[in-house]
PDB file of N, CA and C in Angstrom:
ATOM      1  N   UNK A   1      -3.468  -5.666  -6.497  1.00  0.00           N
ATOM      2  CA  UNK A   1      -2.919  -4.504  -7.174  1.00  0.00           C
ATOM      3  C   UNK A   1      -1.633  -4.038  -6.506  1.00  0.00           C
ATOM      4  N   UNK A   2      -1.583  -4.131  -5.189  1.00  0.00           N
ATOM      5  CA  UNK A   2      -0.352  -3.725  -4.501  1.00  0.00           C
ATOM      6  C   UNK A   2       0.812  -4.633  -4.892  1.00  0.00           C
ATOM      7  N   UNK A   3       0.555  -5.926  -4.919  1.00  0.00           N
ATOM      8  CA  UNK A   3       1.616  -6.883  -5.243  1.00  0.00           C
ATOM      9  C   UNK A   3       2.169  -6.638  -6.644  1.00  0.00           C
ATOM     10  N   UNK A   4       1.303  -6.307  -7.595  1.00  0.00           N
ATOM     11  CA  UNK A   4       1.761  -6.066  -8.962  1.00  0.00           C
ATOM     12  C   UNK A   4       2.642  -4.812  -9.051  1.00  0.00           C
ATOM     13  N   UNK A   5       2.546  -3.942  -8.043  1.00  0.00           N
ATOM     14  CA  UNK A   5       3.371  -2.736  -7.997  1.00  0.00           C
ATOM     15  C   UNK A   5       4.613  -2.923  -7.125  1.00  0.00           C
ATOM     16  N   UNK A   6       4.830  -4.145  -6.648  1.00  0.00           N
ATOM     17  CA  UNK A   6       6.009  -4.438  -5.834  1.00  0.00           C
ATOM     18  C   UNK A   6       5.863  -4.036  -4.377  1.00  0.00           C
ATOM     19  N   UNK A   7       4.627  -3.836  -3.922  1.00  0.00           N
ATOM     20  CA  UNK A   7       4.350  -3.459  -2.535  1.00  0.00           C
ATOM     21  C   UNK A   7       3.824  -4.692  -1.829  1.00  0.00           C
ATOM     22  N   UNK A   8       4.610  -5.238  -0.937  1.00  0.00           N
ATOM     23  CA  UNK A   8       4.204  -6.462  -0.251  1.00  0.00           C
ATOM     24  C   UNK A   8       3.701  -6.128   1.141  1.00  0.00           C
ATOM     25  N   UNK A   9       2.558  -6.664   1.473  1.00  0.00           N
ATOM     26  CA  UNK A   9       1.918  -6.391   2.743  1.00  0.00           C
ATOM     27  C   UNK A   9       1.148  -7.624   3.187  1.00  0.00           C
ATOM     28  N   UNK A  10       0.644  -7.571   4.377  1.00  0.00           N
ATOM     29  CA  UNK A  10      -0.209  -8.627   4.903  1.00  0.00           C
ATOM     30  C   UNK A  10      -1.614  -8.050   5.020  1.00  0.00           C
ATOM     31  N   UNK A  11      -2.604  -8.874   4.788  1.00  0.00           N
ATOM     32  CA  UNK A  11      -3.972  -8.408   4.981  1.00  0.00           C
ATOM     33  C   UNK A  11      -4.786  -9.501   5.640  1.00  0.00           C
ATOM     34  N   UNK A  12      -5.781  -9.071   6.366  1.00  0.00           N
ATOM     35  CA  UNK A  12      -6.706  -9.996   7.022  1.00  0.00           C
ATOM     36  C   UNK A  12      -8.045  -9.292   7.115  1.00  0.00           C
ATOM     37  N   UNK A  13      -9.041  -9.853   6.467  1.00  0.00           N
ATOM     38  CA  UNK A  13     -10.380  -9.281   6.419  1.00  0.00           C
ATOM     39  C   UNK A  13     -10.309  -7.840   5.929  1.00  0.00           C
ATOM     40  N   UNK A  14     -10.590  -6.864   6.780  1.00  0.00           N
ATOM     41  CA  UNK A  14     -10.603  -5.472   6.325  1.00  0.00           C
ATOM     42  C   UNK A  14      -9.398  -4.671   6.835  1.00  0.00           C
ATOM     43  N   UNK A  15      -8.290  -5.359   7.143  1.00  0.00           N
ATOM     44  CA  UNK A  15      -7.110  -4.714   7.703  1.00  0.00           C
ATOM     45  C   UNK A  15      -5.926  -4.919   6.766  1.00  0.00           C
ATOM     46  N   UNK A  16      -5.202  -3.839   6.493  1.00  0.00           N
ATOM     47  CA  UNK A  16      -3.948  -3.923   5.742  1.00  0.00           C
ATOM     48  C   UNK A  16      -2.823  -3.622   6.717  1.00  0.00           C
ATOM     49  N   UNK A  17      -1.901  -4.565   6.862  1.00  0.00           N
ATOM     50  CA  UNK A  17      -0.773  -4.380   7.771  1.00  0.00           C
ATOM     51  C   UNK A  17       0.466  -4.024   6.960  1.00  0.00           C
ATOM     52  N   UNK A  18       1.065  -2.911   7.298  1.00  0.00           N
ATOM     53  CA  UNK A  18       2.259  -2.444   6.606  1.00  0.00           C
ATOM     54  C   UNK A  18       3.423  -2.526   7.585  1.00  0.00           C
ATOM     55  N   UNK A  19       4.468  -3.249   7.212  1.00  0.00           N
ATOM     56  CA  UNK A  19       5.633  -3.410   8.075  1.00  0.00           C
ATOM     57  C   UNK A  19       6.896  -3.159   7.249  1.00  0.00           C
ATOM     58  N   UNK A  20       7.313  -1.889   7.144  1.00  0.00           N
ATOM     59  CA  UNK A  20       8.503  -1.592   6.356  1.00  0.00           C
ATOM     60  C   UNK A  20       9.754  -2.146   7.031  1.00  0.00           C
ATOM     61  N   UNK A  21      10.833  -2.286   6.274  1.00  0.00           N
ATOM     62  CA  UNK A  21      12.084  -2.749   6.875  1.00  0.00           C
ATOM     63  C   UNK A  21      12.561  -1.756   7.936  1.00  0.00           C
ATOM     64  N   UNK A  22      13.369  -2.226   8.847  1.00  0.00           N
ATOM     65  CA  UNK A  22      13.867  -1.354   9.913  1.00  0.00           C
ATOM     66  C   UNK A  22      14.786  -0.259   9.376  1.00  0.00           C
ATOM     67  N   UNK A  23      15.457  -0.532   8.276  1.00  0.00           N
ATOM     68  CA  UNK A  23      16.333   0.464   7.664  1.00  0.00           C
ATOM     69  C   UNK A  23      15.732   0.830   6.320  1.00  0.00           C
ATOM     70  N   UNK A  24      15.212   2.058   6.232  1.00  0.00           N
ATOM     71  CA  UNK A  24      14.560   2.516   5.010  1.00  0.00           C
ATOM     72  C   UNK A  24      14.740   4.024   4.928  1.00  0.00           C
ATOM     73  N   UNK A  25      14.942   4.517   3.732  1.00  0.00           N
ATOM     74  CA  UNK A  25      15.135   5.956   3.560  1.00  0.00           C
ATOM     75  C   UNK A  25      13.780   6.660   3.449  1.00  0.00           C
ATOM     76  N   UNK A  26      13.795   7.947   3.677  1.00  0.00           N
ATOM     77  CA  UNK A  26      12.569   8.728   3.549  1.00  0.00           C
ATOM     78  C   UNK A  26      12.036   8.666   2.118  1.00  0.00           C
ATOM     79  N   UNK A  27      12.942   8.663   1.138  1.00  0.00           N
ATOM     80  CA  UNK A  27      12.528   8.575  -0.264  1.00  0.00           C
ATOM     81  C   UNK A  27      11.840   7.243  -0.549  1.00  0.00           C
ATOM     82  N   UNK A  28      12.352   6.161   0.015  1.00  0.00           N
ATOM     83  CA  UNK A  28      11.732   4.849  -0.178  1.00  0.00           C
ATOM     84  C   UNK A  28      10.345   4.798   0.460  1.00  0.00           C
ATOM     85  N   UNK A  29      10.208   5.395   1.634  1.00  0.00           N
ATOM     86  CA  UNK A  29       8.903   5.438   2.289  1.00  0.00           C
ATOM     87  C   UNK A  29       7.916   6.213   1.427  1.00  0.00           C
ATOM     88  N   UNK A  30       8.355   7.378   0.918  1.00  0.00           N
ATOM     89  CA  UNK A  30       7.482   8.188   0.067  1.00  0.00           C
ATOM     90  C   UNK A  30       7.038   7.415  -1.174  1.00  0.00           C
ATOM     91  N   UNK A  31       7.975   6.681  -1.781  1.00  0.00           N
ATOM     92  CA  UNK A  31       7.661   5.903  -2.980  1.00  0.00           C
ATOM     93  C   UNK A  31       6.638   4.806  -2.683  1.00  0.00           C
ATOM     94  N   UNK A  32       6.814   4.108  -1.580  1.00  0.00           N
ATOM     95  CA  UNK A  32       5.908   3.015  -1.240  1.00  0.00           C
ATOM     96  C   UNK A  32       4.532   3.544  -0.821  1.00  0.00           C
ATOM     97  N   UNK A  33       4.501   4.642  -0.078  1.00  0.00           N
ATOM     98  CA  UNK A  33       3.205   5.205   0.308  1.00  0.00           C
ATOM     99  C   UNK A  33       2.452   5.749  -0.902  1.00  0.00           C
ATOM    100  N   UNK A  34       3.173   6.207  -1.911  1.00  0.00           N
ATOM    101  CA  UNK A  34       2.520   6.650  -3.151  1.00  0.00           C
ATOM    102  C   UNK A  34       1.833   5.463  -3.832  1.00  0.00           C
ATOM    103  N   UNK A  35       2.480   4.297  -3.815  1.00  0.00           N
ATOM    104  CA  UNK A  35       1.866   3.089  -4.378  1.00  0.00           C
ATOM    105  C   UNK A  35       0.597   2.734  -3.611  1.00  0.00           C
ATOM    106  N   UNK A  36       0.678   2.778  -2.295  1.00  0.00           N
ATOM    107  CA  UNK A  36      -0.478   2.454  -1.468  1.00  0.00           C
ATOM    108  C   UNK A  36      -1.616   3.434  -1.736  1.00  0.00           C
ATOM    109  N   UNK A  37      -1.300   4.716  -1.814  1.00  0.00           N
ATOM    110  CA  UNK A  37      -2.308   5.735  -2.084  1.00  0.00           C
ATOM    111  C   UNK A  37      -2.964   5.522  -3.444  1.00  0.00           C
ATOM    112  N   UNK A  38      -2.161   5.172  -4.452  1.00  0.00           N
ATOM    113  CA  UNK A  38      -2.687   4.936  -5.793  1.00  0.00           C
ATOM    114  C   UNK A  38      -3.694   3.788  -5.791  1.00  0.00           C
ATOM    115  N   UNK A  39      -3.339   2.694  -5.164  1.00  0.00           N
ATOM    116  CA  UNK A  39      -4.220   1.524  -5.140  1.00  0.00           C
ATOM    117  C   UNK A  39      -5.476   1.801  -4.317  1.00  0.00           C
ATOM    118  N   UNK A  40      -5.330   2.452  -3.173  1.00  0.00           N
ATOM    119  CA  UNK A  40      -6.503   2.754  -2.360  1.00  0.00           C
ATOM    120  C   UNK A  40      -7.449   3.704  -3.083  1.00  0.00           C
ATOM    121  N   UNK A  41      -6.923   4.615  -3.865  1.00  0.00           N
ATOM    122  CA  UNK A  41      -7.767   5.518  -4.663  1.00  0.00           C
ATOM    123  C   UNK A  41      -8.556   4.731  -5.706  1.00  0.00           C
ATOM    124  N   UNK A  42      -7.907   3.780  -6.359  1.00  0.00           N
ATOM    125  CA  UNK A  42      -8.586   2.945  -7.349  1.00  0.00           C
ATOM    126  C   UNK A  42      -9.696   2.136  -6.688  1.00  0.00           C
ATOM    127  N   UNK A  43      -9.374   1.486  -5.577  1.00  0.00           N
ATOM    128  CA  UNK A  43     -10.354   0.661  -4.883  1.00  0.00           C
ATOM    129  C   UNK A  43     -11.513   1.519  -4.376  1.00  0.00           C
ATOM    130  N   UNK A  44     -11.204   2.686  -3.833  1.00  0.00           N
ATOM    131  CA  UNK A  44     -12.249   3.580  -3.339  1.00  0.00           C
ATOM    132  C   UNK A  44     -13.208   3.974  -4.449  1.00  0.00           C
ATOM    133  N   UNK A  45     -12.689   4.186  -5.648  1.00  0.00           N
ATOM    134  CA  UNK A  45     -13.530   4.553  -6.775  1.00  0.00           C
ATOM    135  C   UNK A  45     -14.431   3.419  -7.237  1.00  0.00           C
ATOM    136  N   UNK A  46     -13.997   2.194  -7.033  1.00  0.00           N
ATOM    137  CA  UNK A  46     -14.786   1.042  -7.484  1.00  0.00           C
ATOM    138  C   UNK A  46     -15.828   0.611  -6.468  1.00  0.00           C
ATOM    139  N   UNK A  47     -15.579   0.866  -5.202  1.00  0.00           N
ATOM    140  CA  UNK A  47     -16.450   0.351  -4.143  1.00  0.00           C
ATOM    141  C   UNK A  47     -17.007   1.479  -3.295  1.00  0.00           C
ATOM    142  N   UNK A  48     -17.630   2.434  -3.919  1.00  0.00           N
ATOM    143  CA  UNK A  48     -18.242   3.539  -3.185  1.00  0.00           C
ATOM    144  C   UNK A  48     -19.518   3.032  -2.533  1.00  0.00           C
ATOM    145  N   UNK A  49     -19.651   3.297  -1.254  1.00  0.00           N
ATOM    146  CA  UNK A  49     -20.842   2.847  -0.525  1.00  0.00           C
ATOM    147  C   UNK A  49     -21.933   3.880  -0.582  1.00  0.00           C
TER     148      UNK A  49
END
């Protein structure tokens, strides 16, 4: 789901690694974290323990 939103990250087992570019604006960070929050909310709703 992250990839389909243009958010590229690395994952391994239960870890999501986020490595933004060294030069990034605050607005870009906010936009990307909103994507991450959206996807994590969806996943959390589907996999409630």
